[in-house]
Amino acid sequence: MQRKWLEEFFQNPGTLRPALIRRMPRFNLTMEEISTLSDYIMTVYQTSEFERDSMPDSGYSPSQIEQGKQLFYSKYACQSCHIVDPKTDKGYIGPTLTAVGSRLTGAWVYHWLKNPQALRPGTTEPNRNVSDEEANSLTAFLMTQKGSGKREAKK
């Protein structure tokens, strides 16, 4: 995940899965505690499978973003489980993706799309055998999702 998002989450925890009743409690952490926790998480929660900064988090072409959007809403119908547009999407099974471009790194999103089971064995996210080109386009689209909710507006 991206450090800035993590620090803001610790300040004001929200939910990534709107249908879940359980929520992370607010611990009223100091900025020093948030920094220490963030340092720890950014160090420990890495994978040896790929470098966290191996792909861009922005700068994708408009055509690549549009292709990713079409794949998201048509071929893969990701909105059946996830929300990108809260006004139209109905997916409440998976985490909301309204701010995924602020939360996760492009490299993690790409590798997740390629093989979610490799990153989180037992996940309910299906492995759709997405091609490299489609994974790049989907990543481009998802990385443009920077948020539009209350917490994201505080950034």
Protein backbone atom coordinates (compact mmCIF):
# COMPACT_ATOMS: atom_id res chain seq x y z
CA MET A 1 0.00 0.00 0.00
CA GLN A 2 0.98 3.62 -0.25
CA ARG A 3 2.30 5.22 2.92
CA LYS A 4 0.21 8.40 2.73
CA TRP A 5 -3.01 6.37 2.53
CA LEU A 6 -1.91 4.16 5.42
CA GLU A 7 -1.18 7.14 7.66
CA GLU A 8 -4.56 8.70 6.88
CA PHE A 9 -6.26 5.37 7.54
CA PHE A 10 -4.68 5.14 10.99
CA GLN A 11 -5.92 8.68 11.73
CA ASN A 12 -9.46 7.92 10.63
CA PRO A 13 -10.12 4.22 9.94
CA GLY A 14 -12.88 3.53 7.47
CA THR A 15 -14.09 0.42 5.76
CA LEU A 16 -12.89 -1.14 2.55
CA ARG A 17 -15.82 -3.57 2.44
CA PRO A 18 -19.13 -1.71 2.92
CA ALA A 19 -21.15 -4.89 3.57
CA LEU A 20 -19.09 -5.93 6.59
CA ILE A 21 -20.43 -5.07 10.01
CA ARG A 22 -17.02 -5.24 11.72
CA ARG A 23 -14.93 -2.12 11.42
CA MET A 24 -11.44 -1.24 12.53
CA PRO A 25 -11.73 0.77 15.73
CA ARG A 26 -10.32 4.25 16.03
CA PHE A 27 -7.35 4.06 18.38
CA ASN A 28 -6.68 7.83 18.63
CA LEU A 29 -3.01 7.29 17.80
CA THR A 30 -0.51 10.11 17.99
CA MET A 31 1.32 11.14 14.82
CA GLU A 32 4.48 9.54 16.26
CA GLU A 33 2.63 6.24 16.81
CA ILE A 34 1.16 6.42 13.31
CA SER A 35 4.61 7.01 11.86
CA THR A 36 6.08 4.08 13.78
CA LEU A 37 3.26 1.73 12.75
CA SER A 38 3.52 2.89 9.14
CA ASP A 39 7.29 2.33 9.13
CA TYR A 40 6.74 -1.17 10.42
CA ILE A 41 4.00 -2.07 7.95
CA MET A 42 5.85 -0.59 4.97
CA THR A 43 8.88 -2.70 5.90
CA VAL A 44 7.23 -5.96 6.86
CA TYR A 45 4.38 -6.19 4.37
CA GLN A 46 6.42 -6.55 1.23
CA THR A 47 6.72 -9.47 -1.11
CA SER A 48 9.84 -10.96 -2.56
CA GLU A 49 7.86 -11.69 -5.73
CA PHE A 50 8.23 -8.15 -7.11
CA GLU A 51 9.56 -4.70 -6.27
CA ARG A 52 6.90 -2.39 -4.80
CA ASP A 53 7.94 0.50 -7.08
CA SER A 54 8.46 -1.57 -10.25
CA MET A 55 5.41 -0.07 -11.99
CA PRO A 56 4.08 3.47 -12.19
CA ASP A 57 1.24 4.69 -10.00
CA SER A 58 0.33 7.37 -12.57
CA GLY A 59 1.16 8.60 -16.08
CA TYR A 60 -0.85 6.03 -18.01
CA SER A 61 -2.17 6.97 -21.46
CA PRO A 62 -5.86 7.90 -21.84
CA SER A 63 -6.37 5.02 -24.29
CA GLN A 64 -4.86 2.52 -21.84
CA ILE A 65 -7.08 3.86 -19.04
CA GLU A 66 -10.16 3.63 -21.26
CA GLN A 67 -9.29 0.08 -22.30
CA GLY A 68 -8.95 -0.83 -18.62
CA LYS A 69 -12.33 0.72 -17.85
CA GLN A 70 -13.95 -1.30 -20.63
CA LEU A 71 -12.35 -4.50 -19.33
CA PHE A 72 -13.46 -3.68 -15.78
CA TYR A 73 -17.09 -3.03 -16.73
CA SER A 74 -17.53 -5.42 -19.66
CA LYS A 75 -15.26 -8.42 -20.12
CA TYR A 76 -14.53 -9.05 -16.44
CA ALA A 77 -17.62 -7.36 -14.89
CA CYS A 78 -15.59 -6.43 -11.81
CA GLN A 79 -18.38 -4.07 -10.66
CA SER A 80 -20.46 -7.12 -9.74
CA CYS A 81 -18.23 -7.50 -6.66
CA HIS A 82 -16.42 -4.13 -6.37
CA ILE A 83 -17.43 -0.48 -6.33
CA VAL A 84 -15.56 2.14 -8.36
CA ASP A 85 -18.49 4.46 -9.00
CA PRO A 86 -20.68 4.57 -5.86
CA LYS A 87 -23.59 6.00 -7.86
CA THR A 88 -23.89 3.05 -10.25
CA ASP A 89 -21.84 0.06 -9.08
CA LYS A 90 -23.58 -2.50 -6.88
CA GLY A 91 -20.70 -4.76 -5.78
CA TYR A 92 -20.50 -5.23 -2.03
CA ILE A 93 -18.59 -8.52 -1.88
CA GLY A 94 -15.06 -7.28 -2.47
CA PRO A 95 -13.39 -4.16 -1.18
CA THR A 96 -14.43 -0.82 -2.60
CA LEU A 97 -12.01 0.44 -5.25
CA THR A 98 -13.02 4.11 -5.16
CA ALA A 99 -9.61 5.10 -3.83
CA VAL A 100 -7.50 2.10 -4.83
CA GLY A 101 -5.14 4.39 -6.78
CA SER A 102 -4.33 6.22 -3.54
CA ARG A 103 -4.21 3.08 -1.42
CA LEU A 104 -2.24 0.44 -3.36
CA THR A 105 0.82 0.54 -5.60
CA GLY A 106 0.56 -0.07 -9.33
CA ALA A 107 2.91 -3.07 -9.03
CA TRP A 108 0.73 -4.72 -6.40
CA VAL A 109 -2.47 -4.15 -8.41
CA TYR A 110 -0.86 -5.59 -11.56
CA HIS A 111 0.40 -8.72 -9.80
CA TRP A 112 -2.92 -9.17 -8.00
CA LEU A 113 -4.73 -9.09 -11.33
CA LYS A 114 -2.30 -11.61 -12.78
CA ASN A 115 -2.68 -14.13 -9.94
CA PRO A 116 -4.51 -13.16 -6.73
CA GLN A 117 -3.92 -16.59 -5.18
CA ALA A 118 -0.15 -16.08 -5.36
CA LEU A 119 -0.41 -12.94 -3.20
CA ARG A 120 -3.16 -14.13 -0.86
CA PRO A 121 -3.79 -17.89 -0.93
CA GLY A 122 -7.45 -18.69 -0.33
CA THR A 123 -8.77 -15.32 -1.48
CA THR A 124 -12.21 -15.31 -3.07
CA GLU A 125 -10.86 -13.17 -5.93
CA PRO A 126 -10.82 -15.48 -8.95
CA ASN A 127 -7.74 -15.94 -11.09
CA ARG A 128 -9.01 -14.92 -14.50
CA ASN A 129 -5.73 -15.59 -16.32
CA VAL A 130 -5.55 -11.96 -17.39
CA SER A 131 -3.00 -11.27 -20.14
CA ASP A 132 -0.10 -8.90 -19.47
CA GLU A 133 -1.68 -6.26 -21.73
CA GLU A 134 -5.06 -6.50 -20.02
CA ALA A 135 -3.45 -6.42 -16.56
CA ASN A 136 -1.57 -3.26 -17.57
CA SER A 137 -4.78 -1.63 -18.83
CA LEU A 138 -6.79 -2.63 -15.78
CA THR A 139 -3.99 -1.34 -13.56
CA ALA A 140 -3.98 1.95 -15.47
CA PHE A 141 -7.74 2.35 -14.92
CA LEU A 142 -7.62 1.36 -11.26
CA MET A 143 -4.69 3.65 -10.48
CA THR A 144 -6.82 6.62 -11.64
CA GLN A 145 -9.29 5.84 -8.85
CA LYS A 146 -8.12 8.32 -6.23
CA GLY A 147 -11.33 8.55 -4.21
CA SER A 148 -14.34 10.76 -3.87
CA GLY A 149 -15.62 9.91 -0.41
CA LYS A 150 -15.46 11.97 2.79
CA ARG A 151 -12.14 10.57 3.99
CA GLU A 152 -10.51 10.93 0.57
CA ALA A 153 -11.66 14.54 0.36
CA LYS A 154 -9.52 15.41 3.39
CA LYS A 155 -6.30 14.66 1.50
